[in-house]
Amino acid sequence: MATNLSDTESHAAVKEAPAETVNQTANGAPAGRGAPTAANPVRIVMADGQSIYRVGMRKIFAVEDDIRVVAQAENYAQALSAAQRHPADVMLLETAICPDPSEAITELLRQAPALKIVLVLGENEPANTIEYIRRGAAGIVNRAISPELLVRCIRKVWEGESWLDKRGITRVFDAYRAQAAHLTTQAPTARLTEKELLIISGVTQGMRNKEIAYEIGTTEQVVKNYLRKVYDKLGVADRLELALYCVHHQLLKGVHLRRRDQGAEMKPRNSAAETGVALAAAGKLDT
């Protein structure tokens, strides 16, 4: 068991301090929830195809007063059943038991919206990190993670943070760079209306559709409809690509989305550095 859970690389909770992390909460959960306690423990479902791994993890968690295993699953069908039948906070989900890990995340969160999913990858398994995050994964770890870091990961995810290991963080940055390169190959040709530009401004500020609707005096559904038209016009797939496209083509020069509860107008951010947090948020918020 010690070999399976040995520490092979550094890991980081996705919060503030480390420069290589992204500041973002998981599944919309607010940060600052506080640490779990013996009276209010993290309830875990372990979904893994190897019984020896489950036994080893269970022994690790047994000595932690603030972590409690409420169910185990050895295949995807059992994982779905456990999500429905057992109130749990976190599921450790081995990607190898899922026919399609991305679809598995979507289905599990449909069954249990409050569940936080931590994907467990094989030693040399390629990871579709960006897609997993977009689907709602709260954490991604390698099977070789140390027991101490695994326990820390579970606590941090329960508190509302996201968790990626060093390899996962590298994949995120590589994907962002690739998207940026793709989105800068063509200059914008579609003409955007004033309202569309205001909505885009809200997206780059990390605002939700409901917040944008309030600021421009319309409904959330209308904002969603506008965004679909904008995506089609610009050839982007989601809020993250829209924000990247906006930054690289400087679409918002002279456009201001004024917040009603603030005396000053909110100027759009015009550089990747200024939009870093907003871009991260844009990838996780409404479509």
Protein backbone atom coordinates (compact mmCIF):
# COMPACT_ATOMS: atom_id res chain seq x y z
CA MET A 1 0.00 0.00 0.00
CA ALA A 2 2.83 2.35 0.76
CA THR A 3 4.05 1.94 -2.81
CA ASN A 4 0.66 2.78 -4.35
CA LEU A 5 0.36 5.92 -2.27
CA SER A 6 3.95 7.12 -2.36
CA ASP A 7 4.59 10.82 -3.01
CA THR A 8 6.08 11.31 -6.47
CA GLU A 9 5.48 14.99 -7.11
CA SER A 10 4.42 18.16 -5.37
CA HIS A 11 0.76 19.10 -5.09
CA ALA A 12 -1.07 22.34 -4.37
CA ALA A 13 -4.49 23.36 -3.17
CA VAL A 14 -5.98 25.76 -5.67
CA LYS A 15 -6.36 28.84 -3.51
CA GLU A 16 -4.10 31.80 -2.98
CA ALA A 17 -0.44 31.72 -1.98
CA PRO A 18 1.47 29.46 -4.45
CA ALA A 19 2.22 31.23 -7.73
CA GLU A 20 1.48 28.07 -9.71
CA THR A 21 -2.10 27.70 -8.51
CA VAL A 22 -5.39 29.10 -9.77
CA ASN A 23 -7.61 31.03 -7.34
CA GLN A 24 -11.00 29.38 -7.66
CA THR A 25 -13.57 27.44 -5.67
CA ALA A 26 -14.94 24.09 -6.74
CA ASN A 27 -18.51 23.46 -8.00
CA GLY A 28 -19.52 26.95 -6.96
CA ALA A 29 -18.92 26.28 -3.28
CA PRO A 30 -17.89 29.35 -1.30
CA ALA A 31 -14.38 29.37 0.10
CA GLY A 32 -13.98 29.80 3.83
CA ARG A 33 -16.39 27.03 4.80
CA GLY A 34 -14.09 26.12 7.66
CA ALA A 35 -12.28 22.91 8.52
CA PRO A 36 -14.19 19.64 9.11
CA THR A 37 -14.41 18.31 12.66
CA ALA A 38 -15.18 15.03 14.41
CA ALA A 39 -18.72 16.32 14.97
CA ASN A 40 -19.03 17.42 11.35
CA PRO A 41 -16.74 15.11 9.34
CA VAL A 42 -16.16 14.86 5.62
CA ARG A 43 -18.31 11.99 4.35
CA ILE A 44 -16.51 10.06 1.63
CA VAL A 45 -17.47 7.57 -1.06
CA MET A 46 -14.50 5.57 -2.37
CA ALA A 47 -15.06 4.41 -5.95
CA ASP A 48 -12.08 2.35 -7.07
CA GLY A 49 -11.71 -0.91 -8.96
CA GLN A 50 -8.87 -2.26 -6.82
CA SER A 51 -9.98 -3.65 -3.49
CA ILE A 52 -6.48 -3.44 -2.02
CA TYR A 53 -6.40 0.29 -2.78
CA ARG A 54 -9.77 0.81 -1.12
CA VAL A 55 -8.63 -1.13 1.95
CA GLY A 56 -5.47 0.94 2.15
CA MET A 57 -7.33 4.24 1.85
CA ARG A 58 -9.89 3.15 4.42
CA LYS A 59 -7.08 2.45 6.91
CA ILE A 60 -5.64 5.89 6.23
CA PHE A 61 -8.98 7.61 6.79
CA ALA A 62 -9.77 5.53 9.88
CA VAL A 63 -7.16 7.42 11.91
CA GLU A 64 -8.58 10.81 10.90
CA ASP A 65 -11.35 11.97 13.24
CA ASP A 66 -12.76 14.42 10.69
CA ILE A 67 -13.08 11.99 7.75
CA ARG A 68 -15.64 9.20 7.54
CA VAL A 69 -16.08 6.63 4.75
CA VAL A 70 -19.81 6.15 4.16
CA ALA A 71 -19.73 3.90 1.07
CA GLN A 72 -17.46 2.01 -1.32
CA ALA A 73 -17.86 1.13 -5.00
CA GLU A 74 -15.80 -1.07 -7.28
CA ASN A 75 -17.37 -0.05 -10.59
CA TYR A 76 -19.15 2.88 -12.18
CA ALA A 77 -22.66 1.51 -11.67
CA GLN A 78 -22.01 1.13 -7.96
CA ALA A 79 -20.57 4.65 -7.84
CA LEU A 80 -23.80 6.03 -9.32
CA SER A 81 -25.85 4.03 -6.85
CA ALA A 82 -23.72 5.23 -3.93
CA ALA A 83 -24.14 8.85 -5.00
CA GLN A 84 -27.91 8.39 -4.93
CA ARG A 85 -28.21 6.34 -1.73
CA HIS A 86 -25.55 7.74 0.58
CA PRO A 87 -25.38 11.42 1.56
CA ALA A 88 -21.73 12.24 0.95
CA ASP A 89 -19.51 15.29 0.63
CA VAL A 90 -16.64 13.92 -1.47
CA MET A 91 -16.24 11.02 -3.88
CA LEU A 92 -12.81 9.66 -4.74
CA LEU A 93 -13.45 8.39 -8.27
CA GLU A 94 -10.94 6.25 -10.14
CA THR A 95 -11.16 7.24 -13.80
CA ALA A 96 -10.36 3.67 -14.89
CA ILE A 97 -13.79 2.43 -13.75
CA CYS A 98 -15.60 5.05 -15.85
CA PRO A 99 -16.48 4.39 -19.51
CA ASP A 100 -16.06 8.15 -20.03
CA PRO A 101 -14.75 10.14 -17.03
CA SER A 102 -16.11 13.45 -18.34
CA GLU A 103 -19.61 12.05 -18.76
CA ALA A 104 -19.30 10.32 -15.40
CA ILE A 105 -18.68 13.66 -13.69
CA THR A 106 -21.74 15.16 -15.36
CA GLU A 107 -24.00 12.24 -14.43
CA LEU A 108 -22.78 12.00 -10.83
CA LEU A 109 -23.32 15.72 -10.28
CA ARG A 110 -26.78 15.42 -11.82
CA GLN A 111 -27.57 12.71 -9.29
CA ALA A 112 -25.91 14.54 -6.38
CA PRO A 113 -25.33 18.25 -7.17
CA ALA A 114 -23.61 18.98 -3.85
CA LEU A 115 -21.10 16.13 -4.24
CA LYS A 116 -17.47 17.10 -4.79
CA ILE A 117 -15.65 14.72 -7.10
CA VAL A 118 -11.92 14.08 -6.82
CA LEU A 119 -10.65 12.10 -9.81
CA VAL A 120 -7.90 9.55 -9.20
CA LEU A 121 -5.72 9.03 -12.28
CA GLY A 122 -3.47 6.11 -13.09
CA GLU A 123 0.31 6.55 -12.93
CA ASN A 124 0.79 7.22 -16.67
CA GLU A 125 -2.77 8.07 -17.59
CA PRO A 126 -3.25 11.13 -19.81
CA ALA A 127 -5.73 13.55 -18.28
CA ASN A 128 -8.22 15.81 -20.03
CA THR A 129 -7.77 18.27 -17.18
CA ILE A 130 -9.59 21.27 -18.65
CA GLU A 131 -12.62 19.19 -19.63
CA TYR A 132 -12.74 17.54 -16.20
CA ILE A 133 -12.68 20.95 -14.52
CA ARG A 134 -15.35 22.31 -16.84
CA ARG A 135 -17.57 19.32 -16.10
CA GLY A 136 -17.28 20.10 -12.38
CA ALA A 137 -14.43 18.04 -10.94
CA ALA A 138 -13.30 19.53 -7.63
CA GLY A 139 -9.91 17.84 -7.67
CA ILE A 140 -7.59 15.71 -9.77
CA VAL A 141 -4.88 13.58 -8.16
CA ASN A 142 -2.45 10.92 -9.27
CA ARG A 143 -2.74 7.44 -7.83
CA ALA A 144 0.77 7.86 -6.38
CA ILE A 145 -0.26 10.75 -4.13
CA SER A 146 1.01 10.40 -0.56
CA PRO A 147 -1.47 9.60 2.23
CA GLU A 148 -0.79 12.97 3.87
CA LEU A 149 -1.53 14.92 0.69
CA LEU A 150 -4.61 12.84 -0.07
CA VAL A 151 -6.04 13.67 3.36
CA ARG A 152 -5.18 17.33 2.86
CA CYS A 153 -6.78 17.29 -0.60
CA ILE A 154 -10.04 15.92 0.82
CA ARG A 155 -10.17 18.55 3.53
CA LYS A 156 -9.43 21.40 1.13
CA VAL A 157 -12.03 20.22 -1.38
CA TRP A 158 -14.60 19.93 1.43
CA GLU A 159 -13.82 23.53 2.37
CA GLY A 160 -14.65 24.68 -1.16
CA GLU A 161 -11.25 24.79 -2.83
CA SER A 162 -10.07 23.01 -5.97
CA TRP A 163 -7.06 20.69 -5.96
CA LEU A 164 -4.59 19.96 -8.74
CA ASP A 165 -1.17 18.37 -8.60
CA LYS A 166 1.81 19.98 -10.30
CA ARG A 167 1.24 17.99 -13.47
CA GLY A 168 -2.40 19.07 -13.60
CA ILE A 169 -1.52 22.73 -13.15
CA THR A 170 0.94 22.47 -16.04
CA ARG A 171 -1.78 20.96 -18.24
CA VAL A 172 -4.12 23.84 -17.39
CA PHE A 173 -1.57 26.46 -18.40
CA ASP A 174 -0.67 24.56 -21.57
CA ALA A 175 -4.34 24.36 -22.53
CA TYR A 176 -4.85 28.08 -21.92
CA ARG A 177 -1.83 28.88 -24.09
CA ALA A 178 -3.12 26.62 -26.85
CA GLN A 179 -6.55 28.23 -26.69
CA ALA A 180 -5.01 31.69 -26.78
CA ALA A 181 -2.95 30.81 -29.85
CA HIS A 182 -6.01 29.38 -31.60
CA LEU A 183 -8.18 32.37 -30.79
CA THR A 184 -5.66 34.90 -32.09
CA THR A 185 -5.33 33.40 -35.55
CA GLN A 186 -8.19 35.47 -36.94
CA ALA A 187 -9.28 39.01 -36.23
CA PRO A 188 -12.95 39.54 -35.33
CA THR A 189 -15.17 40.25 -38.32
CA ALA A 190 -18.66 39.91 -36.81
CA ARG A 191 -20.34 43.13 -35.74
CA LEU A 192 -21.44 43.07 -32.10
CA THR A 193 -24.29 45.16 -30.74
CA GLU A 194 -23.90 47.49 -27.78
CA LYS A 195 -25.86 45.12 -25.53
CA GLU A 196 -23.74 42.16 -26.62
CA LEU A 197 -20.58 44.09 -25.75
CA LEU A 198 -21.99 44.97 -22.33
CA ILE A 199 -22.76 41.31 -21.67
CA ILE A 200 -19.26 40.31 -22.77
CA SER A 201 -17.88 42.95 -20.40
CA GLY A 202 -19.77 41.28 -17.57
CA VAL A 203 -18.36 37.88 -18.53
CA THR A 204 -14.77 39.19 -18.43
CA GLN A 205 -15.44 40.51 -14.93
CA GLY A 206 -16.41 37.00 -13.81
CA MET A 207 -20.09 37.91 -13.38
CA ARG A 208 -22.85 35.31 -13.53
CA ASN A 209 -25.71 35.59 -16.02
CA LYS A 210 -28.06 36.60 -13.21
CA GLU A 211 -25.74 39.44 -12.19
CA ILE A 212 -25.31 40.64 -15.76
CA ALA A 213 -29.08 40.60 -16.25
CA TYR A 214 -29.54 42.76 -13.17
CA GLU A 215 -26.95 45.30 -14.30
CA ILE A 216 -28.35 45.77 -17.81
CA GLY A 217 -32.02 45.55 -16.79
CA THR A 218 -33.15 42.30 -18.41
CA THR A 219 -33.71 38.65 -17.52
CA GLU A 220 -31.23 35.84 -17.05
CA GLN A 221 -32.75 33.92 -19.98
CA VAL A 222 -32.28 36.90 -22.29
CA VAL A 223 -28.61 37.07 -21.30
CA LYS A 224 -28.24 33.35 -22.08
CA ASN A 225 -29.83 33.90 -25.50
CA TYR A 226 -27.50 36.80 -26.24
CA LEU A 227 -24.47 34.75 -25.24
CA ARG A 228 -25.43 31.93 -27.59
CA LYS A 229 -25.59 34.46 -30.45
CA VAL A 230 -22.22 35.91 -29.43
CA TYR A 231 -20.65 32.43 -29.36
CA ASP A 232 -21.93 31.77 -32.88
CA LYS A 233 -20.74 35.15 -34.16
CA LEU A 234 -17.23 34.80 -32.77
CA GLY A 235 -16.82 31.05 -33.18
CA VAL A 236 -16.14 30.34 -29.51
CA ALA A 237 -17.50 27.48 -27.42
CA ASP A 238 -17.91 28.87 -23.92
CA ARG A 239 -17.27 31.73 -21.49
CA LEU A 240 -13.59 30.90 -21.13
CA GLU A 241 -12.94 31.06 -24.87
CA LEU A 242 -15.05 34.21 -25.11
CA ALA A 243 -12.99 35.92 -22.41
CA LEU A 244 -9.71 34.88 -24.05
CA TYR A 245 -10.96 36.06 -27.44
CA CYS A 246 -12.01 39.36 -25.93
CA VAL A 247 -8.61 39.92 -24.30
CA HIS A 248 -6.58 39.14 -27.41
CA HIS A 249 -8.74 41.20 -29.76
CA GLN A 250 -9.42 44.02 -27.28
CA LEU A 251 -13.14 43.98 -28.05
CA LEU A 252 -14.11 46.09 -25.06
CA LYS A 253 -12.19 49.29 -25.71
CA GLY A 254 -14.48 52.11 -24.61
CA VAL A 255 -17.14 49.70 -23.30
CA HIS A 256 -18.13 50.01 -19.63
CA LEU A 257 -20.56 47.89 -17.64
CA ARG A 258 -21.74 50.06 -14.77
CA ARG A 259 -22.69 48.35 -11.51
CA ARG A 260 -25.74 49.87 -9.90
CA ASP A 261 -24.31 49.51 -6.40
CA GLN A 262 -21.09 51.36 -7.25
CA GLY A 263 -20.58 55.00 -7.98
CA ALA A 264 -17.89 54.46 -10.60
CA GLU A 265 -18.06 52.62 -13.88
CA MET A 266 -16.35 49.25 -14.13
CA LYS A 267 -13.73 49.37 -16.85
CA PRO A 268 -13.07 46.13 -18.69
CA ARG A 269 -9.72 44.47 -18.16
CA ASN A 270 -7.52 44.66 -21.23
CA SER A 271 -4.62 42.33 -20.45
CA ALA A 272 -4.20 38.67 -19.61
CA ALA A 273 -2.70 39.60 -16.26
CA GLU A 274 -5.70 41.75 -15.31
CA THR A 275 -8.20 39.13 -16.42
CA GLY A 276 -6.55 36.10 -14.80
CA VAL A 277 -9.09 35.61 -12.02
CA ALA A 278 -12.03 36.51 -14.25
CA LEU A 279 -10.96 33.99 -16.88
CA ALA A 280 -10.72 31.25 -14.29
CA ALA A 281 -14.17 32.14 -13.00
CA ALA A 282 -15.58 32.36 -16.51
CA GLY A 283 -14.70 28.73 -17.15
CA LYS A 284 -16.76 27.58 -14.17
CA LEU A 285 -19.81 29.81 -14.24
CA ASP A 286 -23.04 29.66 -16.25
CA THR A 287 -23.03 28.86 -19.94
